[in-house]
Amino acid sequence: MNSINNFFDNILLVIITALLVLGGCQDNYSEKQIIEVARRTEGVVALEPFDEFYKRFTNDSVFQVQRINFPLPGINTDEMDVTNKIYYWQKDEWRMYKGIPGKIDTMNFEVQKMRLDTIAIDEVAQKNASFGSKYTFKPKAGKWFLVYYEDINL
């Protein structure tokens, strides 16, 4: 059983790495952060279905704040300089995430969604620009949580 978990954990890391490399991330540091977030909770699987969690998370602000352990690690280019490696989002500055819009201009924006049993990522990036956001969800104690958020605006 343990070797099966290790196999799936390794597959997960390969998939995440491939998506980040093929997705053309502009920031090598953020790639390392996503992989590190994935490693921190390897093998943990949520008991609650992600789609049910996500629908409530993107529609209920109270529930959303309950499913974020603040301070939330991530990137905030508006508040960071070249010496900062990570930014910690605070509860009092949090803007509700309402999900990726169903009708998004795919000529100008690239949308990536990854859904696995052990990690889920929503990413929207403007093509040919350094503008985008990435939300990383991981299960903890059988429930989904937002564990990392990037807001890139260069």
N, C-alpha and C. Protein backbone atom coordinates (compact mmCIF):
# COMPACT_ATOMS: atom_id res chain seq x y z
N MET A 1 0.84 -1.20 0.00
CA MET A 1 0.00 0.00 0.00
C MET A 1 0.88 1.25 0.00
N ASN A 2 1.93 1.26 0.81
CA ASN A 2 2.81 2.42 0.88
C ASN A 2 3.50 2.66 -0.45
N SER A 3 3.89 1.59 -1.16
CA SER A 3 4.54 1.77 -2.46
C SER A 3 3.54 2.32 -3.48
N ILE A 4 2.26 1.98 -3.36
CA ILE A 4 1.25 2.53 -4.26
C ILE A 4 1.10 4.02 -4.01
N ASN A 5 1.05 4.44 -2.72
CA ASN A 5 0.97 5.87 -2.40
C ASN A 5 2.18 6.62 -2.93
N ASN A 6 3.37 6.06 -2.77
CA ASN A 6 4.58 6.71 -3.28
C ASN A 6 4.52 6.82 -4.79
N PHE A 7 4.02 5.79 -5.46
CA PHE A 7 3.89 5.82 -6.91
C PHE A 7 2.98 6.97 -7.34
N PHE A 8 1.80 7.09 -6.70
CA PHE A 8 0.87 8.16 -7.05
C PHE A 8 1.43 9.54 -6.68
N ASP A 9 2.15 9.63 -5.57
CA ASP A 9 2.78 10.89 -5.20
C ASP A 9 3.79 11.31 -6.25
N ASN A 10 4.59 10.36 -6.73
CA ASN A 10 5.58 10.67 -7.76
C ASN A 10 4.91 11.06 -9.07
N ILE A 11 3.83 10.38 -9.43
CA ILE A 11 3.07 10.73 -10.64
C ILE A 11 2.54 12.15 -10.51
N LEU A 12 2.01 12.50 -9.33
CA LEU A 12 1.48 13.83 -9.09
C LEU A 12 2.56 14.88 -9.31
N LEU A 13 3.72 14.66 -8.75
CA LEU A 13 4.80 15.64 -8.90
C LEU A 13 5.24 15.76 -10.35
N VAL A 14 5.26 14.66 -11.09
CA VAL A 14 5.63 14.70 -12.51
C VAL A 14 4.58 15.50 -13.29
N ILE A 15 3.31 15.28 -13.01
CA ILE A 15 2.23 16.00 -13.70
C ILE A 15 2.31 17.49 -13.42
N ILE A 16 2.48 17.85 -12.15
CA ILE A 16 2.57 19.26 -11.79
C ILE A 16 3.76 19.91 -12.47
N THR A 17 4.90 19.25 -12.41
CA THR A 17 6.10 19.79 -13.04
C THR A 17 5.90 19.96 -14.54
N ALA A 18 5.32 18.96 -15.19
CA ALA A 18 5.08 19.04 -16.63
C ALA A 18 4.14 20.18 -16.98
N LEU A 19 3.06 20.33 -16.21
CA LEU A 19 2.13 21.42 -16.47
C LEU A 19 2.78 22.78 -16.32
N LEU A 20 3.60 22.91 -15.30
CA LEU A 20 4.27 24.19 -15.09
C LEU A 20 5.29 24.49 -16.19
N VAL A 21 6.04 23.49 -16.58
CA VAL A 21 7.05 23.69 -17.63
C VAL A 21 6.37 23.95 -18.96
N LEU A 22 5.39 23.13 -19.32
CA LEU A 22 4.70 23.29 -20.59
C LEU A 22 3.81 24.52 -20.60
N GLY A 23 3.33 24.92 -19.43
CA GLY A 23 2.48 26.09 -19.36
C GLY A 23 3.22 27.40 -19.51
N GLY A 24 4.54 27.34 -19.54
CA GLY A 24 5.33 28.55 -19.78
C GLY A 24 5.30 29.53 -18.63
N CYS A 25 5.41 29.04 -17.41
CA CYS A 25 5.45 29.94 -16.27
C CYS A 25 6.55 30.96 -16.46
N GLN A 26 6.27 32.19 -16.07
CA GLN A 26 7.24 33.26 -16.24
C GLN A 26 8.18 33.37 -15.05
N ASP A 27 7.87 32.71 -13.97
CA ASP A 27 8.64 32.88 -12.75
C ASP A 27 9.06 31.52 -12.20
N ASN A 28 10.36 31.22 -12.29
CA ASN A 28 10.86 29.93 -11.81
C ASN A 28 10.59 29.75 -10.32
N TYR A 29 10.63 30.84 -9.57
CA TYR A 29 10.40 30.73 -8.14
C TYR A 29 8.99 30.23 -7.86
N SER A 30 7.99 30.73 -8.60
CA SER A 30 6.62 30.30 -8.35
C SER A 30 6.44 28.82 -8.68
N GLU A 31 7.16 28.31 -9.69
CA GLU A 31 7.12 26.89 -9.99
C GLU A 31 7.59 26.08 -8.78
N LYS A 32 8.66 26.52 -8.17
CA LYS A 32 9.20 25.82 -7.01
C LYS A 32 8.21 25.87 -5.85
N GLN A 33 7.50 26.99 -5.70
CA GLN A 33 6.52 27.11 -4.63
C GLN A 33 5.39 26.10 -4.81
N ILE A 34 4.87 25.96 -6.02
CA ILE A 34 3.77 25.03 -6.26
C ILE A 34 4.21 23.60 -5.96
N ILE A 35 5.40 23.24 -6.41
CA ILE A 35 5.91 21.89 -6.15
C ILE A 35 6.10 21.68 -4.66
N GLU A 36 6.57 22.69 -3.95
CA GLU A 36 6.76 22.58 -2.51
C GLU A 36 5.41 22.42 -1.81
N VAL A 37 4.40 23.15 -2.24
CA VAL A 37 3.06 23.01 -1.66
C VAL A 37 2.56 21.58 -1.88
N ALA A 38 2.79 21.04 -3.08
CA ALA A 38 2.37 19.67 -3.37
C ALA A 38 3.08 18.67 -2.48
N ARG A 39 4.35 18.86 -2.23
CA ARG A 39 5.12 17.92 -1.41
C ARG A 39 4.69 17.94 0.06
N ARG A 40 4.27 19.10 0.55
CA ARG A 40 3.93 19.22 1.97
C ARG A 40 2.78 18.32 2.38
N THR A 41 1.89 17.99 1.47
CA THR A 41 0.74 17.17 1.84
C THR A 41 0.59 15.96 0.92
N GLU A 42 1.71 15.40 0.52
CA GLU A 42 1.68 14.22 -0.34
C GLU A 42 0.84 13.11 0.30
N GLY A 43 0.04 12.48 -0.52
CA GLY A 43 -0.71 11.32 -0.08
C GLY A 43 -1.99 11.63 0.66
N VAL A 44 -2.27 12.90 0.98
CA VAL A 44 -3.50 13.26 1.67
C VAL A 44 -4.59 13.41 0.62
N VAL A 45 -5.68 12.71 0.82
CA VAL A 45 -6.79 12.74 -0.12
C VAL A 45 -8.02 13.29 0.60
N ALA A 46 -8.75 14.17 -0.09
CA ALA A 46 -9.96 14.75 0.51
C ALA A 46 -11.11 13.76 0.46
N LEU A 47 -11.91 13.76 1.50
CA LEU A 47 -13.11 12.94 1.52
C LEU A 47 -14.27 13.68 0.86
N GLU A 48 -14.22 15.01 0.92
CA GLU A 48 -15.30 15.79 0.31
C GLU A 48 -15.02 15.98 -1.18
N PRO A 49 -16.02 15.85 -2.02
CA PRO A 49 -15.83 16.04 -3.46
C PRO A 49 -15.40 17.48 -3.77
N PHE A 50 -14.38 17.64 -4.60
CA PHE A 50 -13.87 18.97 -4.89
C PHE A 50 -14.92 19.86 -5.52
N ASP A 51 -15.71 19.35 -6.45
CA ASP A 51 -16.70 20.18 -7.15
C ASP A 51 -17.72 20.79 -6.18
N GLU A 52 -18.14 20.02 -5.19
CA GLU A 52 -19.08 20.54 -4.19
C GLU A 52 -18.40 21.62 -3.34
N PHE A 53 -17.17 21.33 -2.90
CA PHE A 53 -16.41 22.31 -2.13
C PHE A 53 -16.24 23.60 -2.94
N TYR A 54 -15.81 23.48 -4.20
CA TYR A 54 -15.49 24.63 -5.04
C TYR A 54 -16.72 25.51 -5.28
N LYS A 55 -17.86 24.90 -5.51
CA LYS A 55 -19.08 25.67 -5.72
C LYS A 55 -19.40 26.51 -4.49
N ARG A 56 -19.30 25.91 -3.33
CA ARG A 56 -19.57 26.66 -2.09
C ARG A 56 -18.48 27.68 -1.81
N PHE A 57 -17.22 27.30 -2.04
CA PHE A 57 -16.08 28.18 -1.79
C PHE A 57 -16.17 29.47 -2.61
N THR A 58 -16.63 29.36 -3.85
CA THR A 58 -16.68 30.52 -4.74
C THR A 58 -17.99 31.30 -4.64
N ASN A 59 -18.90 30.85 -3.79
CA ASN A 59 -20.19 31.54 -3.64
C ASN A 59 -20.50 31.99 -2.21
N ASP A 60 -19.73 31.53 -1.24
CA ASP A 60 -20.02 31.80 0.16
C ASP A 60 -18.77 32.38 0.82
N SER A 61 -18.77 33.68 1.07
CA SER A 61 -17.58 34.35 1.59
C SER A 61 -17.19 33.87 2.99
N VAL A 62 -18.17 33.56 3.83
CA VAL A 62 -17.87 33.07 5.18
C VAL A 62 -17.19 31.70 5.09
N PHE A 63 -17.76 30.82 4.29
CA PHE A 63 -17.17 29.49 4.09
C PHE A 63 -15.75 29.62 3.52
N GLN A 64 -15.58 30.53 2.56
CA GLN A 64 -14.26 30.70 1.94
C GLN A 64 -13.21 31.06 2.98
N VAL A 65 -13.50 32.00 3.83
CA VAL A 65 -12.52 32.40 4.86
C VAL A 65 -12.26 31.26 5.84
N GLN A 66 -13.26 30.43 6.09
CA GLN A 66 -13.08 29.28 6.98
C GLN A 66 -12.14 28.24 6.36
N ARG A 67 -12.05 28.20 5.04
CA ARG A 67 -11.23 27.20 4.35
C ARG A 67 -9.89 27.76 3.88
N ILE A 68 -9.44 28.83 4.53
CA ILE A 68 -8.11 29.39 4.29
C ILE A 68 -7.46 29.55 5.66
N ASN A 69 -6.28 28.97 5.82
CA ASN A 69 -5.53 29.17 7.05
C ASN A 69 -4.62 30.37 6.86
N PHE A 70 -5.04 31.49 7.43
CA PHE A 70 -4.24 32.72 7.33
C PHE A 70 -3.16 32.72 8.38
N PRO A 71 -2.02 33.32 8.10
CA PRO A 71 -1.65 33.98 6.84
C PRO A 71 -1.41 32.95 5.73
N LEU A 72 -1.95 33.25 4.54
CA LEU A 72 -1.88 32.36 3.38
C LEU A 72 -0.63 32.67 2.57
N PRO A 73 0.26 31.69 2.37
CA PRO A 73 1.47 31.95 1.58
C PRO A 73 1.15 32.12 0.10
N GLY A 74 2.00 32.91 -0.56
CA GLY A 74 1.83 33.10 -1.99
C GLY A 74 2.73 34.20 -2.53
N ILE A 75 2.25 34.80 -3.59
CA ILE A 75 2.97 35.89 -4.27
C ILE A 75 1.98 37.03 -4.47
N ASN A 76 2.43 38.26 -4.20
CA ASN A 76 1.65 39.47 -4.45
C ASN A 76 2.62 40.50 -5.00
N THR A 77 2.75 40.57 -6.30
CA THR A 77 3.77 41.44 -6.91
C THR A 77 3.53 42.92 -6.62
N ASP A 78 2.30 43.29 -6.29
CA ASP A 78 2.03 44.70 -5.94
C ASP A 78 2.65 45.08 -4.60
N GLU A 79 2.88 44.11 -3.74
CA GLU A 79 3.40 44.37 -2.39
C GLU A 79 4.82 43.85 -2.17
N MET A 80 5.42 43.25 -3.18
CA MET A 80 6.73 42.63 -3.01
C MET A 80 7.77 43.35 -3.86
N ASP A 81 9.04 43.18 -3.47
CA ASP A 81 10.13 43.64 -4.31
C ASP A 81 11.05 42.46 -4.57
N VAL A 82 12.16 42.70 -5.23
CA VAL A 82 13.03 41.59 -5.65
C VAL A 82 13.65 40.85 -4.47
N THR A 83 13.68 41.44 -3.29
CA THR A 83 14.27 40.76 -2.13
C THR A 83 13.28 39.81 -1.45
N ASN A 84 11.99 39.99 -1.72
CA ASN A 84 10.97 39.12 -1.12
C ASN A 84 10.87 37.81 -1.87
N LYS A 85 10.75 36.72 -1.12
CA LYS A 85 10.59 35.41 -1.73
C LYS A 85 9.16 34.90 -1.62
N ILE A 86 8.45 35.37 -0.63
CA ILE A 86 7.08 34.92 -0.43
C ILE A 86 6.29 36.04 0.24
N TYR A 87 5.03 36.04 -0.03
CA TYR A 87 4.12 37.02 0.55
C TYR A 87 3.08 36.25 1.36
N TYR A 88 2.65 36.82 2.46
CA TYR A 88 1.61 36.18 3.27
C TYR A 88 0.35 37.04 3.26
N TRP A 89 -0.69 36.51 2.63
CA TRP A 89 -1.98 37.20 2.58
C TRP A 89 -2.62 37.14 3.96
N GLN A 90 -3.16 38.27 4.40
CA GLN A 90 -3.80 38.37 5.70
C GLN A 90 -5.33 38.33 5.54
N LYS A 91 -6.00 37.87 6.56
CA LYS A 91 -7.45 37.73 6.51
C LYS A 91 -8.14 39.06 6.24
N ASP A 92 -7.66 40.14 6.85
CA ASP A 92 -8.32 41.44 6.69
C ASP A 92 -8.13 42.07 5.31
N GLU A 93 -7.22 41.55 4.50
CA GLU A 93 -7.01 42.09 3.16
C GLU A 93 -7.53 41.15 2.07
N TRP A 94 -8.14 40.05 2.46
CA TRP A 94 -8.56 39.04 1.50
C TRP A 94 -9.73 39.51 0.65
N ARG A 95 -9.61 39.34 -0.67
CA ARG A 95 -10.70 39.60 -1.62
C ARG A 95 -11.29 38.26 -2.02
N MET A 96 -12.59 38.14 -1.94
CA MET A 96 -13.24 36.87 -2.22
C MET A 96 -12.94 36.39 -3.63
N TYR A 97 -12.58 35.12 -3.73
CA TYR A 97 -12.35 34.48 -5.02
C TYR A 97 -13.67 33.91 -5.50
N LYS A 98 -14.11 34.34 -6.68
CA LYS A 98 -15.40 33.91 -7.20
C LYS A 98 -15.27 32.88 -8.31
N GLY A 99 -14.09 32.34 -8.49
CA GLY A 99 -13.87 31.33 -9.51
C GLY A 99 -13.52 31.93 -10.86
N ILE A 100 -13.13 31.08 -11.77
CA ILE A 100 -12.81 31.52 -13.13
C ILE A 100 -14.12 31.75 -13.87
N PRO A 101 -14.30 32.93 -14.46
CA PRO A 101 -15.55 33.20 -15.18
C PRO A 101 -15.80 32.19 -16.29
N GLY A 102 -17.04 31.82 -16.48
CA GLY A 102 -17.39 30.87 -17.53
C GLY A 102 -17.13 31.42 -18.92
N LYS A 103 -17.34 32.71 -19.10
CA LYS A 103 -17.12 33.35 -20.39
C LYS A 103 -15.89 34.24 -20.27
N ILE A 104 -14.75 33.69 -20.60
CA ILE A 104 -13.50 34.44 -20.53
C ILE A 104 -12.91 34.54 -21.93
N ASP A 105 -12.29 35.65 -22.21
CA ASP A 105 -11.70 35.91 -23.52
C ASP A 105 -10.47 35.02 -23.71
N THR A 106 -10.65 33.88 -24.35
CA THR A 106 -9.55 32.94 -24.53
C THR A 106 -8.56 33.37 -25.61
N MET A 107 -8.89 34.43 -26.33
CA MET A 107 -7.93 34.99 -27.29
C MET A 107 -6.82 35.73 -26.55
N ASN A 108 -7.18 36.32 -25.40
CA ASN A 108 -6.22 37.11 -24.64
C ASN A 108 -5.79 36.47 -23.33
N PHE A 109 -6.54 35.47 -22.86
CA PHE A 109 -6.23 34.84 -21.59
C PHE A 109 -6.11 33.34 -21.75
N GLU A 110 -5.18 32.76 -21.00
CA GLU A 110 -5.02 31.31 -20.96
C GLU A 110 -5.55 30.81 -19.61
N VAL A 111 -6.39 29.81 -19.66
CA VAL A 111 -7.00 29.25 -18.45
C VAL A 111 -6.52 27.81 -18.29
N GLN A 112 -6.07 27.48 -17.10
CA GLN A 112 -5.68 26.11 -16.80
C GLN A 112 -6.36 25.69 -15.50
N LYS A 113 -6.96 24.52 -15.55
CA LYS A 113 -7.57 23.92 -14.35
C LYS A 113 -7.03 22.51 -14.23
N MET A 114 -6.54 22.19 -13.05
CA MET A 114 -6.07 20.83 -12.78
C MET A 114 -6.84 20.30 -11.59
N ARG A 115 -7.38 19.12 -11.72
CA ARG A 115 -8.15 18.50 -10.64
C ARG A 115 -7.65 17.08 -10.43
N LEU A 116 -7.05 16.83 -9.27
CA LEU A 116 -6.64 15.50 -8.87
C LEU A 116 -7.19 15.25 -7.47
N ASP A 117 -7.07 14.04 -6.98
CA ASP A 117 -7.54 13.73 -5.63
C ASP A 117 -6.75 14.44 -4.55
N THR A 118 -5.51 14.83 -4.85
CA THR A 118 -4.63 15.40 -3.83
C THR A 118 -4.25 16.85 -4.06
N ILE A 119 -4.69 17.44 -5.16
CA ILE A 119 -4.39 18.85 -5.44
C ILE A 119 -5.33 19.35 -6.54
N ALA A 120 -5.67 20.63 -6.46
CA ALA A 120 -6.46 21.28 -7.51
C ALA A 120 -5.87 22.67 -7.71
N ILE A 121 -5.74 23.08 -8.96
CA ILE A 121 -5.16 24.38 -9.28
C ILE A 121 -6.03 25.08 -10.31
N ASP A 122 -6.32 26.35 -10.05
CA ASP A 122 -6.96 27.24 -11.02
C ASP A 122 -5.95 28.30 -11.39
N GLU A 123 -5.74 28.49 -12.68
CA GLU A 123 -4.77 29.51 -13.12
C GLU A 123 -5.32 30.25 -14.33
N VAL A 124 -5.23 31.56 -14.29
CA VAL A 124 -5.59 32.42 -15.41
C VAL A 124 -4.43 33.36 -15.64
N ALA A 125 -3.97 33.44 -16.89
CA ALA A 125 -2.85 34.33 -17.22
C ALA A 125 -3.16 35.04 -18.53
N GLN A 126 -2.83 36.32 -18.56
CA GLN A 126 -2.98 37.06 -19.80
C GLN A 126 -1.86 36.66 -20.74
N LYS A 127 -2.21 36.34 -21.98
CA LYS A 127 -1.22 35.94 -22.97
C LYS A 127 -0.31 37.13 -23.30
N ASN A 128 0.98 36.85 -23.47
CA ASN A 128 1.97 37.86 -23.85
C ASN A 128 2.08 38.99 -22.84
N ALA A 129 1.78 38.71 -21.57
CA ALA A 129 1.91 39.72 -20.52
C ALA A 129 2.21 39.03 -19.20
N SER A 130 2.71 39.78 -18.26
CA SER A 130 2.99 39.24 -16.93
C SER A 130 1.86 39.60 -15.98
N PHE A 131 0.71 39.04 -16.25
CA PHE A 131 -0.48 39.30 -15.45
C PHE A 131 -1.24 38.00 -15.30
N GLY A 132 -1.57 37.64 -14.07
CA GLY A 132 -2.33 36.42 -13.87
C GLY A 132 -2.51 36.10 -12.41
N SER A 133 -3.25 35.02 -12.16
CA SER A 133 -3.45 34.56 -10.79
C SER A 133 -3.51 33.04 -10.78
N LYS A 134 -3.11 32.50 -9.64
CA LYS A 134 -3.09 31.05 -9.48
C LYS A 134 -3.55 30.71 -8.06
N TYR A 135 -4.51 29.79 -7.98
CA TYR A 135 -5.06 29.33 -6.71
C TYR A 135 -4.76 27.85 -6.58
N THR A 136 -4.14 27.45 -5.47
CA THR A 136 -3.79 26.05 -5.25
C THR A 136 -4.55 25.54 -4.03
N PHE A 137 -5.28 24.45 -4.24
CA PHE A 137 -6.09 23.83 -3.18
C PHE A 137 -5.51 22.47 -2.83
N LYS A 138 -5.50 22.14 -1.54
CA LYS A 138 -5.03 20.84 -1.07
C LYS A 138 -5.98 20.37 0.03
N PRO A 139 -6.14 19.05 0.15
CA PRO A 139 -6.96 18.54 1.25
C PRO A 139 -6.17 18.50 2.56
N LYS A 140 -6.88 18.81 3.64
CA LYS A 140 -6.35 18.69 5.00
C LYS A 140 -7.45 18.08 5.84
N ALA A 141 -7.13 17.02 6.54
CA ALA A 141 -8.10 16.33 7.39
C ALA A 141 -9.39 16.01 6.63
N GLY A 142 -9.25 15.62 5.37
CA GLY A 142 -10.40 15.20 4.57
C GLY A 142 -11.18 16.32 3.92
N LYS A 143 -10.79 17.59 4.15
CA LYS A 143 -11.51 18.73 3.59
C LYS A 143 -10.56 19.56 2.73
N TRP A 144 -11.09 20.19 1.68
CA TRP A 144 -10.30 21.03 0.80
C TRP A 144 -10.06 22.41 1.41
N PHE A 145 -8.84 22.92 1.19
CA PHE A 145 -8.46 24.25 1.64
C PHE A 145 -7.68 24.95 0.54
N LEU A 146 -7.81 26.27 0.48
CA LEU A 146 -6.91 27.05 -0.35
C LEU A 146 -5.60 27.17 0.43
N VAL A 147 -4.49 26.73 -0.18
CA VAL A 147 -3.22 26.69 0.55
C VAL A 147 -2.16 27.61 -0.02
N TYR A 148 -2.43 28.19 -1.21
CA TYR A 148 -1.42 29.05 -1.85
C TYR A 148 -2.12 29.91 -2.89
N TYR A 149 -1.73 31.20 -2.96
CA TYR A 149 -2.35 32.12 -3.93
C TYR A 149 -1.30 33.05 -4.49
N GLU A 150 -1.28 33.14 -5.83
CA GLU A 150 -0.39 34.07 -6.53
C GLU A 150 -1.21 35.13 -7.26
N ASP A 151 -0.80 36.39 -7.11
CA ASP A 151 -1.38 37.49 -7.86
C ASP A 151 -0.21 38.20 -8.54
N ILE A 152 -0.06 37.95 -9.84
CA ILE A 152 1.07 38.48 -10.61
C ILE A 152 0.57 39.65 -11.44
N ASN A 153 1.21 40.81 -11.26
CA ASN A 153 0.84 42.00 -11.99
C ASN A 153 2.12 42.83 -12.23
N LEU A 154 2.83 42.47 -13.29
CA LEU A 154 4.10 43.16 -13.57
C LEU A 154 3.97 44.08 -14.77
